Amino acid sequence: MCWIIVLVLLSFTSPSIAADCDCTIFPFKPDPPCFDICTAKYLAVATASELETVAGIDSNIAQLIASIPENQRPPTLEGYRQFLSEMQFEDLKDTLLRLSGKIFQEIRRGATERGKNIY
């Protein structure tokens, strides 16, 4: 019974945590959870070309991410584990951790030009 109450409470708090992340300001704070949430937003709107050339993500990983249907793209970075091998996921995460705010800004600019906003 106690676990059910905890799960119900967590289901109500998760959206409010996501709402507190301003993904237009780098670094993404508070971390956790904002790095996980914001990087997923950027992965969801970037093209395969942007992931490769702008972010420096391995081309095979970039193609896999870009091939995920928009309505199935995970809301968190951790959610990409289901689409990638463990090695690919770790490579992706390591690459994202090394990116600067300027890179995220460039991806956001490209997404905005395509009518996809990140907030």
PDB file of N, CA and C in Angstrom:
ATOM      1  N   MET A   1       0.823  -1.196   0.000  1.00  0.00           N
ATOM      2  CA  MET A   1       0.000   0.000   0.000  1.00  0.00           C
ATOM      3  C   MET A   1       0.864   1.256   0.000  1.00  0.00           C
ATOM      4  N   CYS A   2       1.903   1.249   0.815  1.00  0.00           N
ATOM      5  CA  CYS A   2       2.802   2.400   0.910  1.00  0.00           C
ATOM      6  C   CYS A   2       3.468   2.692  -0.438  1.00  0.00           C
ATOM      7  N   TRP A   3       3.868   1.630  -1.161  1.00  0.00           N
ATOM      8  CA  TRP A   3       4.523   1.807  -2.465  1.00  0.00           C
ATOM      9  C   TRP A   3       3.579   2.414  -3.481  1.00  0.00           C
ATOM     10  N   ILE A   4       2.314   2.062  -3.413  1.00  0.00           N
ATOM     11  CA  ILE A   4       1.332   2.626  -4.344  1.00  0.00           C
ATOM     12  C   ILE A   4       1.218   4.124  -4.123  1.00  0.00           C
ATOM     13  N   ILE A   5       1.184   4.541  -2.875  1.00  0.00           N
ATOM     14  CA  ILE A   5       1.102   5.970  -2.561  1.00  0.00           C
ATOM     15  C   ILE A   5       2.339   6.697  -3.074  1.00  0.00           C
ATOM     16  N   VAL A   6       3.508   6.118  -2.884  1.00  0.00           N
ATOM     17  CA  VAL A   6       4.745   6.727  -3.361  1.00  0.00           C
ATOM     18  C   VAL A   6       4.722   6.854  -4.876  1.00  0.00           C
ATOM     19  N   LEU A   7       4.306   5.810  -5.581  1.00  0.00           N
ATOM     20  CA  LEU A   7       4.252   5.851  -7.045  1.00  0.00           C
ATOM     21  C   LEU A   7       3.271   6.907  -7.532  1.00  0.00           C
ATOM     22  N   VAL A   8       2.134   7.019  -6.873  1.00  0.00           N
ATOM     23  CA  VAL A   8       1.155   8.036  -7.248  1.00  0.00           C
ATOM     24  C   VAL A   8       1.738   9.428  -7.041  1.00  0.00           C
ATOM     25  N   LEU A   9       2.389   9.657  -5.919  1.00  0.00           N
ATOM     26  CA  LEU A   9       2.999  10.961  -5.655  1.00  0.00           C
ATOM     27  C   LEU A   9       4.087  11.285  -6.671  1.00  0.00           C
ATOM     28  N   LEU A  10       4.897  10.304  -7.027  1.00  0.00           N
ATOM     29  CA  LEU A  10       5.951  10.527  -8.025  1.00  0.00           C
ATOM     30  C   LEU A  10       5.364  10.866  -9.380  1.00  0.00           C
ATOM     31  N   SER A  11       4.248  10.267  -9.726  1.00  0.00           N
ATOM     32  CA  SER A  11       3.644  10.558 -11.023  1.00  0.00           C
ATOM     33  C   SER A  11       3.169  12.004 -11.094  1.00  0.00           C
ATOM     34  N   PHE A  12       2.820  12.588  -9.953  1.00  0.00           N
ATOM     35  CA  PHE A  12       2.403  13.981  -9.937  1.00  0.00           C
ATOM     36  C   PHE A  12       3.575  14.947  -9.912  1.00  0.00           C
ATOM     37  N   THR A  13       4.715  14.532  -9.383  1.00  0.00           N
ATOM     38  CA  THR A  13       5.847  15.442  -9.272  1.00  0.00           C
ATOM     39  C   THR A  13       6.696  15.466 -10.526  1.00  0.00           C
ATOM     40  N   SER A  14       6.738  14.433 -11.308  1.00  0.00           N
ATOM     41  CA  SER A  14       7.600  14.388 -12.489  1.00  0.00           C
ATOM     42  C   SER A  14       7.333  15.515 -13.476  1.00  0.00           C
ATOM     43  N   PRO A  15       6.074  15.802 -13.851  1.00  0.00           N
ATOM     44  CA  PRO A  15       5.850  16.902 -14.787  1.00  0.00           C
ATOM     45  C   PRO A  15       6.305  18.245 -14.246  1.00  0.00           C
ATOM     46  N   SER A  16       6.154  18.470 -12.945  1.00  0.00           N
ATOM     47  CA  SER A  16       6.568  19.754 -12.393  1.00  0.00           C
ATOM     48  C   SER A  16       8.083  19.897 -12.429  1.00  0.00           C
ATOM     49  N   ILE A  17       8.793  18.781 -12.272  1.00  0.00           N
ATOM     50  CA  ILE A  17      10.250  18.835 -12.367  1.00  0.00           C
ATOM     51  C   ILE A  17      10.646  19.220 -13.788  1.00  0.00           C
ATOM     52  N   ALA A  18      10.018  18.597 -14.783  1.00  0.00           N
ATOM     53  CA  ALA A  18      10.330  18.895 -16.175  1.00  0.00           C
ATOM     54  C   ALA A  18      10.022  20.357 -16.485  1.00  0.00           C
ATOM     55  N   ALA A  19       8.944  20.884 -15.907  1.00  0.00           N
ATOM     56  CA  ALA A  19       8.558  22.261 -16.170  1.00  0.00           C
ATOM     57  C   ALA A  19       9.574  23.248 -15.609  1.00  0.00           C
ATOM     58  N   ASP A  20      10.361  22.837 -14.625  1.00  0.00           N
ATOM     59  CA  ASP A  20      11.343  23.723 -14.021  1.00  0.00           C
ATOM     60  C   ASP A  20      12.648  23.791 -14.810  1.00  0.00           C
ATOM     61  N   CYS A  21      12.775  23.013 -15.862  1.00  0.00           N
ATOM     62  CA  CYS A  21      13.995  23.021 -16.665  1.00  0.00           C
ATOM     63  C   CYS A  21      13.866  24.024 -17.803  1.00  0.00           C
ATOM     64  N   ASP A  22      14.716  25.021 -17.802  1.00  0.00           N
ATOM     65  CA  ASP A  22      14.773  25.962 -18.920  1.00  0.00           C
ATOM     66  C   ASP A  22      15.888  25.490 -19.838  1.00  0.00           C
ATOM     67  N   CYS A  23      15.503  24.836 -20.917  1.00  0.00           N
ATOM     68  CA  CYS A  23      16.479  24.226 -21.821  1.00  0.00           C
ATOM     69  C   CYS A  23      17.100  25.221 -22.791  1.00  0.00           C
ATOM     70  N   THR A  24      16.778  26.501 -22.631  1.00  0.00           N
ATOM     71  CA  THR A  24      17.413  27.531 -23.458  1.00  0.00           C
ATOM     72  C   THR A  24      18.650  28.098 -22.768  1.00  0.00           C
ATOM     73  N   ILE A  25      18.841  27.762 -21.506  1.00  0.00           N
ATOM     74  CA  ILE A  25      19.985  28.262 -20.738  1.00  0.00           C
ATOM     75  C   ILE A  25      20.928  27.103 -20.438  1.00  0.00           C
ATOM     76  N   PHE A  26      22.181  27.275 -20.832  1.00  0.00           N
ATOM     77  CA  PHE A  26      23.194  26.245 -20.611  1.00  0.00           C
ATOM     78  C   PHE A  26      24.190  26.745 -19.584  1.00  0.00           C
ATOM     79  N   PRO A  27      24.649  25.935 -18.645  1.00  0.00           N
ATOM     80  CA  PRO A  27      24.327  24.522 -18.457  1.00  0.00           C
ATOM     81  C   PRO A  27      22.906  24.340 -17.936  1.00  0.00           C
ATOM     82  N   PHE A  28      22.356  23.169 -18.218  1.00  0.00           N
ATOM     83  CA  PHE A  28      20.989  22.846 -17.841  1.00  0.00           C
ATOM     84  C   PHE A  28      20.927  22.569 -16.345  1.00  0.00           C
ATOM     85  N   LYS A  29      20.205  23.423 -15.632  1.00  0.00           N
ATOM     86  CA  LYS A  29      20.125  23.336 -14.173  1.00  0.00           C
ATOM     87  C   LYS A  29      18.678  23.270 -13.736  1.00  0.00           C
ATOM     88  N   PRO A  30      18.371  22.602 -12.643  1.00  0.00           N
ATOM     89  CA  PRO A  30      19.287  21.807 -11.832  1.00  0.00           C
ATOM     90  C   PRO A  30      19.594  20.466 -12.504  1.00  0.00           C
ATOM     91  N   ASP A  31      20.761  19.979 -12.227  1.00  0.00           N
ATOM     92  CA  ASP A  31      21.169  18.687 -12.767  1.00  0.00           C
ATOM     93  C   ASP A  31      21.527  17.771 -11.614  1.00  0.00           C
ATOM     94  N   PRO A  32      20.870  16.664 -11.462  1.00  0.00           N
ATOM     95  CA  PRO A  32      19.726  16.224 -12.247  1.00  0.00           C
ATOM     96  C   PRO A  32      18.472  17.021 -11.893  1.00  0.00           C
ATOM     97  N   PRO A  33      17.486  16.978 -12.687  1.00  0.00           N
ATOM     98  CA  PRO A  33      17.159  16.152 -13.840  1.00  0.00           C
ATOM     99  C   PRO A  33      17.311  16.858 -15.184  1.00  0.00           C
ATOM    100  N   CYS A  34      17.667  18.147 -15.183  1.00  0.00           N
ATOM    101  CA  CYS A  34      17.555  18.939 -16.414  1.00  0.00           C
ATOM    102  C   CYS A  34      18.497  18.515 -17.539  1.00  0.00           C
ATOM    103  N   PHE A  35      19.689  18.053 -17.249  1.00  0.00           N
ATOM    104  CA  PHE A  35      20.562  17.588 -18.336  1.00  0.00           C
ATOM    105  C   PHE A  35      19.879  16.454 -19.095  1.00  0.00           C
ATOM    106  N   ASP A  36      19.316  15.521 -18.365  1.00  0.00           N
ATOM    107  CA  ASP A  36      18.645  14.359 -18.957  1.00  0.00           C
ATOM    108  C   ASP A  36      17.437  14.781 -19.796  1.00  0.00           C
ATOM    109  N   ILE A  37      16.661  15.715 -19.298  1.00  0.00           N
ATOM    110  CA  ILE A  37      15.454  16.186 -19.978  1.00  0.00           C
ATOM    111  C   ILE A  37      15.814  17.065 -21.182  1.00  0.00           C
ATOM    112  N   CYS A  38      16.710  18.010 -20.982  1.00  0.00           N
ATOM    113  CA  CYS A  38      17.032  18.961 -22.048  1.00  0.00           C
ATOM    114  C   CYS A  38      17.784  18.311 -23.210  1.00  0.00           C
ATOM    115  N   THR A  39      18.733  17.436 -22.918  1.00  0.00           N
ATOM    116  CA  THR A  39      19.448  16.795 -24.026  1.00  0.00           C
ATOM    117  C   THR A  39      18.485  15.956 -24.857  1.00  0.00           C
ATOM    118  N   ALA A  40      17.499  15.333 -24.228  1.00  0.00           N
ATOM    119  CA  ALA A  40      16.505  14.567 -24.981  1.00  0.00           C
ATOM    120  C   ALA A  40      15.697  15.488 -25.895  1.00  0.00           C
ATOM    121  N   LYS A  41      15.382  16.695 -25.415  1.00  0.00           N
ATOM    122  CA  LYS A  41      14.659  17.651 -26.257  1.00  0.00           C
ATOM    123  C   LYS A  41      15.489  18.025 -27.484  1.00  0.00           C
ATOM    124  N   TYR A  42      16.778  18.228 -27.293  1.00  0.00           N
ATOM    125  CA  TYR A  42      17.646  18.584 -28.413  1.00  0.00           C
ATOM    126  C   TYR A  42      17.782  17.410 -29.387  1.00  0.00           C
ATOM    127  N   LEU A  43      17.921  16.201 -28.859  1.00  0.00           N
ATOM    128  CA  LEU A  43      18.010  15.027 -29.731  1.00  0.00           C
ATOM    129  C   LEU A  43      16.728  14.862 -30.535  1.00  0.00           C
ATOM    130  N   ALA A  44      15.600  15.204 -29.951  1.00  0.00           N
ATOM    131  CA  ALA A  44      14.306  15.026 -30.609  1.00  0.00           C
ATOM    132  C   ALA A  44      14.094  15.976 -31.781  1.00  0.00           C
ATOM    133  N   VAL A  45      14.737  17.135 -31.769  1.00  0.00           N
ATOM    134  CA  VAL A  45      14.492  18.121 -32.828  1.00  0.00           C
ATOM    135  C   VAL A  45      15.644  18.255 -33.822  1.00  0.00           C
ATOM    136  N   ALA A  46      16.792  17.714 -33.496  1.00  0.00           N
ATOM    137  CA  ALA A  46      17.952  17.841 -34.386  1.00  0.00           C
ATOM    138  C   ALA A  46      17.845  16.864 -35.548  1.00  0.00           C
ATOM    139  N   THR A  47      18.375  17.268 -36.688  1.00  0.00           N
ATOM    140  CA  THR A  47      18.451  16.365 -37.831  1.00  0.00           C
ATOM    141  C   THR A  47      19.662  15.457 -37.653  1.00  0.00           C
ATOM    142  N   ALA A  48      19.707  14.390 -38.418  1.00  0.00           N
ATOM    143  CA  ALA A  48      20.873  13.496 -38.364  1.00  0.00           C
ATOM    144  C   ALA A  48      22.133  14.269 -38.728  1.00  0.00           C
ATOM    145  N   SER A  49      22.021  15.144 -39.693  1.00  0.00           N
ATOM    146  CA  SER A  49      23.170  15.947 -40.113  1.00  0.00           C
ATOM    147  C   SER A  49      23.663  16.848 -38.986  1.00  0.00           C
ATOM    148  N   GLU A  50      22.751  17.494 -38.270  1.00  0.00           N
ATOM    149  CA  GLU A  50      23.143  18.345 -37.144  1.00  0.00           C
ATOM    150  C   GLU A  50      23.784  17.516 -36.030  1.00  0.00           C
ATOM    151  N   LEU A  51      23.211  16.357 -35.760  1.00  0.00           N
ATOM    152  CA  LEU A  51      23.783  15.508 -34.719  1.00  0.00           C
ATOM    153  C   LEU A  51      25.213  15.124 -35.057  1.00  0.00           C
ATOM    154  N   GLU A  52      25.467  14.859 -36.340  1.00  0.00           N
ATOM    155  CA  GLU A  52      26.813  14.473 -36.775  1.00  0.00           C
ATOM    156  C   GLU A  52      27.761  15.665 -36.864  1.00  0.00           C
ATOM    157  N   THR A  53      27.377  16.657 -37.657  1.00  0.00           N
ATOM    158  CA  THR A  53      28.321  17.735 -37.971  1.00  0.00           C
ATOM    159  C   THR A  53      28.422  18.804 -36.890  1.00  0.00           C
ATOM    160  N   VAL A  54      27.321  19.101 -36.225  1.00  0.00           N
ATOM    161  CA  VAL A  54      27.333  20.146 -35.201  1.00  0.00           C
ATOM    162  C   VAL A  54      27.734  19.559 -33.848  1.00  0.00           C
ATOM    163  N   ALA A  55      27.083  18.447 -33.466  1.00  0.00           N
ATOM    164  CA  ALA A  55      27.315  17.882 -32.140  1.00  0.00           C
ATOM    165  C   ALA A  55      28.446  16.860 -32.109  1.00  0.00           C
ATOM    166  N   GLY A  56      28.847  16.362 -33.267  1.00  0.00           N
ATOM    167  CA  GLY A  56      29.940  15.394 -33.300  1.00  0.00           C
ATOM    168  C   GLY A  56      29.547  13.994 -32.858  1.00  0.00           C
ATOM    169  N   ILE A  57      28.263  13.685 -32.979  1.00  0.00           N
ATOM    170  CA  ILE A  57      27.777  12.353 -32.613  1.00  0.00           C
ATOM    171  C   ILE A  57      28.095  11.391 -33.753  1.00  0.00           C
ATOM    172  N   ASP A  58      28.517  10.196 -33.404  1.00  0.00           N
ATOM    173  CA  ASP A  58      28.835   9.158 -34.383  1.00  0.00           C
ATOM    174  C   ASP A  58      27.692   9.036 -35.396  1.00  0.00           C
ATOM    175  N   SER A  59      28.035   8.895 -36.675  1.00  0.00           N
ATOM    176  CA  SER A  59      27.020   8.900 -37.731  1.00  0.00           C
ATOM    177  C   SER A  59      26.014   7.761 -37.585  1.00  0.00           C
ATOM    178  N   ASN A  60      26.449   6.580 -37.174  1.00  0.00           N
ATOM    179  CA  ASN A  60      25.507   5.467 -36.988  1.00  0.00           C
ATOM    180  C   ASN A  60      24.499   5.781 -35.883  1.00  0.00           C
ATOM    181  N   ILE A  61      24.985   6.378 -34.809  1.00  0.00           N
ATOM    182  CA  ILE A  61      24.100   6.747 -33.694  1.00  0.00           C
ATOM    183  C   ILE A  61      23.155   7.860 -34.131  1.00  0.00           C
ATOM    184  N   ALA A  62      23.680   8.839 -34.849  1.00  0.00           N
ATOM    185  CA  ALA A  62      22.850   9.948 -35.334  1.00  0.00           C
ATOM    186  C   ALA A  62      21.740   9.436 -36.245  1.00  0.00           C
ATOM    187  N   GLN A  63      22.060   8.505 -37.119  1.00  0.00           N
ATOM    188  CA  GLN A  63      21.055   7.941 -38.022  1.00  0.00           C
ATOM    189  C   GLN A  63      19.992   7.160 -37.248  1.00  0.00           C
ATOM    190  N   LEU A  64      20.424   6.406 -36.238  1.00  0.00           N
ATOM    191  CA  LEU A  64      19.466   5.662 -35.409  1.00  0.00           C
ATOM    192  C   LEU A  64      18.506   6.609 -34.686  1.00  0.00           C
ATOM    193  N   ILE A  65      19.054   7.670 -34.122  1.00  0.00           N
ATOM    194  CA  ILE A  65      18.224   8.641 -33.395  1.00  0.00           C
ATOM    195  C   ILE A  65      17.240   9.305 -34.350  1.00  0.00           C
ATOM    196  N   ALA A  66      17.727   9.720 -35.512  1.00  0.00           N
ATOM    197  CA  ALA A  66      16.875  10.399 -36.483  1.00  0.00           C
ATOM    198  C   ALA A  66      15.789   9.475 -37.040  1.00  0.00           C
ATOM    199  N   SER A  67      16.030   8.173 -37.008  1.00  0.00           N
ATOM    200  CA  SER A  67      15.044   7.232 -37.554  1.00  0.00           C
ATOM    201  C   SER A  67      13.912   6.911 -36.568  1.00  0.00           C
ATOM    202  N   ILE A  68      14.044   7.355 -35.329  1.00  0.00           N
ATOM    203  CA  ILE A  68      12.982   7.118 -34.345  1.00  0.00           C
ATOM    204  C   ILE A  68      11.802   8.030 -34.697  1.00  0.00           C
ATOM    205  N   PRO A  69      10.610   7.457 -34.881  1.00  0.00           N
ATOM    206  CA  PRO A  69       9.443   8.303 -35.186  1.00  0.00           C
ATOM    207  C   PRO A  69       9.255   9.379 -34.111  1.00  0.00           C
ATOM    208  N   GLU A  70       8.856  10.564 -34.550  1.00  0.00           N
ATOM    209  CA  GLU A  70       8.729  11.699 -33.625  1.00  0.00           C
ATOM    210  C   GLU A  70       7.874  11.383 -32.407  1.00  0.00           C
ATOM    211  N   ASN A  71       6.804  10.645 -32.605  1.00  0.00           N
ATOM    212  CA  ASN A  71       5.899  10.361 -31.485  1.00  0.00           C
ATOM    213  C   ASN A  71       6.437   9.277 -30.549  1.00  0.00           C
ATOM    214  N   GLN A  72       7.605   8.709 -30.875  1.00  0.00           N
ATOM    215  CA  GLN A  72       8.215   7.693 -30.014  1.00  0.00           C
ATOM    216  C   GLN A  72       9.544   8.146 -29.410  1.00  0.00           C
ATOM    217  N   ARG A  73       9.933   9.389 -29.677  1.00  0.00           N
ATOM    218  CA  ARG A  73      11.205   9.866 -29.136  1.00  0.00           C
ATOM    219  C   ARG A  73      11.082  10.056 -27.624  1.00  0.00           C
ATOM    220  N   PRO A  74      12.053   9.542 -26.894  1.00  0.00           N
ATOM    221  CA  PRO A  74      11.969   9.576 -25.425  1.00  0.00           C
ATOM    222  C   PRO A  74      12.026  11.004 -24.861  1.00  0.00           C
ATOM    223  N   PRO A  75      11.343  11.228 -23.740  1.00  0.00           N
ATOM    224  CA  PRO A  75      11.364  12.540 -23.090  1.00  0.00           C
ATOM    225  C   PRO A  75      12.623  12.772 -22.252  1.00  0.00           C
ATOM    226  N   THR A  76      13.430  11.720 -22.079  1.00  0.00           N
ATOM    227  CA  THR A  76      14.675  11.856 -21.313  1.00  0.00           C
ATOM    228  C   THR A  76      15.802  11.161 -22.063  1.00  0.00           C
ATOM    229  N   LEU A  77      17.019  11.572 -21.780  1.00  0.00           N
ATOM    230  CA  LEU A  77      18.185  10.938 -22.390  1.00  0.00           C
ATOM    231  C   LEU A  77      18.215   9.452 -22.054  1.00  0.00           C
ATOM    232  N   GLU A  78      17.912   9.112 -20.827  1.00  0.00           N
ATOM    233  CA  GLU A  78      17.910   7.702 -20.410  1.00  0.00           C
ATOM    234  C   GLU A  78      16.984   6.854 -21.274  1.00  0.00           C
ATOM    235  N   GLY A  79      15.930   7.448 -21.783  1.00  0.00           N
ATOM    236  CA  GLY A  79      14.985   6.724 -22.625  1.00  0.00           C
ATOM    237  C   GLY A  79      15.591   6.229 -23.930  1.00  0.00           C
ATOM    238  N   TYR A  80      16.696   6.837 -24.351  1.00  0.00           N
ATOM    239  CA  TYR A  80      17.353   6.413 -25.590  1.00  0.00           C
ATOM    240  C   TYR A  80      18.054   5.065 -25.439  1.00  0.00           C
ATOM    241  N   ARG A  81      18.183   4.585 -24.210  1.00  0.00           N
ATOM    242  CA  ARG A  81      18.786   3.260 -23.979  1.00  0.00           C
ATOM    243  C   ARG A  81      18.012   2.164 -24.708  1.00  0.00           C
ATOM    244  N   GLN A  82      16.708   2.335 -24.834  1.00  0.00           N
ATOM    245  CA  GLN A  82      15.891   1.306 -25.468  1.00  0.00           C
ATOM    246  C   GLN A  82      16.110   1.227 -26.980  1.00  0.00           C
ATOM    247  N   PHE A  83      16.716   2.253 -27.555  1.00  0.00           N
ATOM    248  CA  PHE A  83      16.944   2.282 -28.995  1.00  0.00           C
ATOM    249  C   PHE A  83      18.399   2.006 -29.383  1.00  0.00           C
ATOM    250  N   LEU A  84      19.302   2.132 -28.421  1.00  0.00           N
ATOM    251  CA  LEU A  84      20.737   2.016 -28.693  1.00  0.00           C
ATOM    252  C   LEU A  84      21.341   0.871 -27.886  1.00  0.00           C
ATOM    253  N   SER A  85      22.453   0.344 -28.382  1.00  0.00           N
ATOM    254  CA  SER A  85      23.186  -0.631 -27.577  1.00  0.00           C
ATOM    255  C   SER A  85      23.802   0.110 -26.389  1.00  0.00           C
ATOM    256  N   GLU A  86      24.253  -0.632 -25.400  1.00  0.00           N
ATOM    257  CA  GLU A  86      24.865  -0.003 -24.224  1.00  0.00           C
ATOM    258  C   GLU A  86      26.087   0.831 -24.631  1.00  0.00           C
ATOM    259  N   MET A  87      26.884   0.293 -25.544  1.00  0.00           N
ATOM    260  CA  MET A  87      28.079   0.997 -26.005  1.00  0.00           C
ATOM    261  C   MET A  87      27.710   2.279 -26.761  1.00  0.00           C
ATOM    262  N   GLN A  88      26.693   2.203 -27.610  1.00  0.00           N
ATOM    263  CA  GLN A  88      26.237   3.386 -28.337  1.00  0.00           C
ATOM    264  C   GLN A  88      25.685   4.434 -27.381  1.00  0.00           C
ATOM    265  N   PHE A  89      24.916   3.990 -26.390  1.00  0.00           N
ATOM    266  CA  PHE A  89      24.347   4.934 -25.435  1.00  0.00           C
ATOM    267  C   PHE A  89      25.447   5.645 -24.651  1.00  0.00           C
ATOM    268  N   GLU A  90      26.421   4.901 -24.189  1.00  0.00           N
ATOM    269  CA  GLU A  90      27.522   5.506 -23.430  1.00  0.00           C
ATOM    270  C   GLU A  90      28.312   6.487 -24.298  1.00  0.00           C
ATOM    271  N   ASP A  91      28.516   6.138 -25.561  1.00  0.00           N
ATOM    272  CA  ASP A  91      29.202   7.031 -26.499  1.00  0.00           C
ATOM    273  C   ASP A  91      28.396   8.316 -26.683  1.00  0.00           C
ATOM    274  N   LEU A  92      27.087   8.174 -26.857  1.00  0.00           N
ATOM    275  CA  LEU A  92      26.202   9.335 -27.002  1.00  0.00           C
ATOM    276  C   LEU A  92      26.269  10.215 -25.761  1.00  0.00           C
ATOM    277  N   LYS A  93      26.137   9.613 -24.598  1.00  0.00           N
ATOM    278  CA  LYS A  93      26.144  10.378 -23.347  1.00  0.00           C
ATOM    279  C   LYS A  93      27.474  11.103 -23.150  1.00  0.00           C
ATOM    280  N   ASP A  94      28.582  10.417 -23.427  1.00  0.00           N
ATOM    281  CA  ASP A  94      29.901  11.044 -23.302  1.00  0.00           C
ATOM    282  C   ASP A  94      30.032  12.242 -24.241  1.00  0.00           C
ATOM    283  N   THR A  95      29.542  12.088 -25.460  1.00  0.00           N
ATOM    284  CA  THR A  95      29.599  13.189 -26.426  1.00  0.00           C
ATOM    285  C   THR A  95      28.769  14.364 -25.939  1.00  0.00           C
ATOM    286  N   LEU A  96      27.558  14.099 -25.479  1.00  0.00           N
ATOM    287  CA  LEU A  96      26.683  15.184 -25.000  1.00  0.00           C
ATOM    288  C   LEU A  96      27.266  15.901 -23.791  1.00  0.00           C
ATOM    289  N   LEU A  97      27.927  15.171 -22.915  1.00  0.00           N
ATOM    290  CA  LEU A  97      28.533  15.791 -21.732  1.00  0.00           C
ATOM    291  C   LEU A  97      29.666  16.749 -22.101  1.00  0.00           C
ATOM    292  N   ARG A  98      30.288  16.549 -23.252  1.00  0.00           N
ATOM    293  CA  ARG A  98      31.400  17.400 -23.682  1.00  0.00           C
ATOM    294  C   ARG A  98      30.960  18.630 -24.481  1.00  0.00           C
ATOM    295  N   LEU A  99      29.687  18.705 -24.842  1.00  0.00           N
ATOM    296  CA  LEU A  99      29.226  19.806 -25.686  1.00  0.00           C
ATOM    297  C   LEU A  99      29.145  21.122 -24.917  1.00  0.00           C
ATOM    298  N   SER A 100      29.346  22.190 -25.643  1.00  0.00           N
ATOM    299  CA  SER A 100      29.255  23.529 -25.054  1.00  0.00           C
ATOM    300  C   SER A 100      27.867  24.117 -25.301  1.00  0.00           C
ATOM    301  N   GLY A 101      27.586  25.190 -24.620  1.00  0.00           N
ATOM    302  CA  GLY A 101      26.326  25.897 -24.814  1.00  0.00           C
ATOM    303  C   GLY A 101      26.172  26.393 -26.236  1.00  0.00           C
ATOM    304  N   LYS A 102      27.285  26.738 -26.867  1.00  0.00           N
ATOM    305  CA  LYS A 102      27.259  27.236 -28.245  1.00  0.00           C
ATOM    306  C   LYS A 102      26.725  26.163 -29.207  1.00  0.00           C
ATOM    307  N   ILE A 103      27.090  24.921 -28.974  1.00  0.00           N
ATOM    308  CA  ILE A 103      26.618  23.821 -29.822  1.00  0.00           C
ATOM    309  C   ILE A 103      25.111  23.637 -29.647  1.00  0.00           C
ATOM    310  N   PHE A 104      24.644  23.630 -28.395  1.00  0.00           N
ATOM    311  CA  PHE A 104      23.209  23.496 -28.164  1.00  0.00           C
ATOM    312  C   PHE A 104      22.452  24.673 -28.776  1.00  0.00           C
ATOM    313  N   GLN A 105      23.043  25.857 -28.714  1.00  0.00           N
ATOM    314  CA  GLN A 105      22.415  27.043 -29.304  1.00  0.00           C
ATOM    315  C   GLN A 105      22.288  26.890 -30.824  1.00  0.00           C
ATOM    316  N   GLU A 106      23.305  26.345 -31.462  1.00  0.00           N
ATOM    317  CA  GLU A 106      23.258  26.145 -32.906  1.00  0.00           C
ATOM    318  C   GLU A 106      22.182  25.132 -33.295  1.00  0.00           C
ATOM    319  N   ILE A 107      22.058  24.071 -32.522  1.00  0.00           N
ATOM    320  CA  ILE A 107      21.008  23.075 -32.788  1.00  0.00           C
ATOM    321  C   ILE A 107      19.635  23.710 -32.584  1.00  0.00           C
ATOM    322  N   ARG A 108      19.482  24.507 -31.521  1.00  0.00           N
ATOM    323  CA  ARG A 108      18.210  25.184 -31.254  1.00  0.00           C
ATOM    324  C   ARG A 108      17.845  26.135 -32.388  1.00  0.00           C
ATOM    325  N   ARG A 109      18.836  26.849 -32.915  1.00  0.00           N
ATOM    326  CA  ARG A 109      18.594  27.783 -34.014  1.00  0.00           C
ATOM    327  C   ARG A 109      18.070  27.030 -35.252  1.00  0.00           C
ATOM    328  N   GLY A 110      18.710  25.905 -35.584  1.00  0.00           N
ATOM    329  CA  GLY A 110      18.261  25.107 -36.720  1.00  0.00           C
ATOM    330  C   GLY A 110      16.853  24.569 -36.520  1.00  0.00           C
ATOM    331  N   ALA A 111      16.564  24.117 -35.303  1.00  0.00           N
ATOM    332  CA  ALA A 111      15.230  23.592 -35.000  1.00  0.00           C
ATOM    333  C   ALA A 111      14.180  24.687 -35.118  1.00  0.00           C
ATOM    334  N   THR A 112      14.498  25.882 -34.630  1.00  0.00           N
ATOM    335  CA  THR A 112      13.564  27.009 -34.701  1.00  0.00           C
ATOM    336  C   THR A 112      13.263  27.355 -36.143  1.00  0.00           C
ATOM    337  N   GLU A 113      14.283  27.315 -36.998  1.00  0.00           N
ATOM    338  CA  GLU A 113      14.077  27.595 -38.429  1.00  0.00           C
ATOM    339  C   GLU A 113      13.130  26.583 -39.062  1.00  0.00           C
ATOM    340  N   ARG A 114      13.098  25.371 -38.524  1.00  0.00           N
ATOM    341  CA  ARG A 114      12.183  24.334 -39.022  1.00  0.00           C
ATOM    342  C   ARG A 114      10.847  24.349 -38.288  1.00  0.00           C
ATOM    343  N   GLY A 115      10.647  25.325 -37.409  1.00  0.00           N
ATOM    344  CA  GLY A 115       9.397  25.451 -36.679  1.00  0.00           C
ATOM    345  C   GLY A 115       9.275  24.582 -35.450  1.00  0.00           C
ATOM    346  N   LYS A 116      10.414  24.103 -34.950  1.00  0.00           N
ATOM    347  CA  LYS A 116      10.416  23.267 -33.743  1.00  0.00           C
ATOM    348  C   LYS A 116      11.138  24.017 -32.643  1.00  0.00           C
ATOM    349  N   ASN A 117      10.394  24.369 -31.616  1.00  0.00           N
ATOM    350  CA  ASN A 117      10.964  25.176 -30.532  1.00  0.00           C
ATOM    351  C   ASN A 117      11.384  24.322 -29.337  1.00  0.00           C
ATOM    352  N   ILE A 118      12.449  24.756 -28.703  1.00  0.00           N
ATOM    353  CA  ILE A 118      12.928  24.128 -27.479  1.00  0.00           C
ATOM    354  C   ILE A 118      12.783  25.167 -26.377  1.00  0.00           C
ATOM    355  N   TYR A 119      12.218  24.755 -25.279  1.00  0.00           N
ATOM    356  CA  TYR A 119      12.044  25.666 -24.145  1.00  0.00           C
ATOM    357  C   TYR A 119      12.374  24.972 -22.864  1.00  0.00           C
TER     358      TYR A 119
END
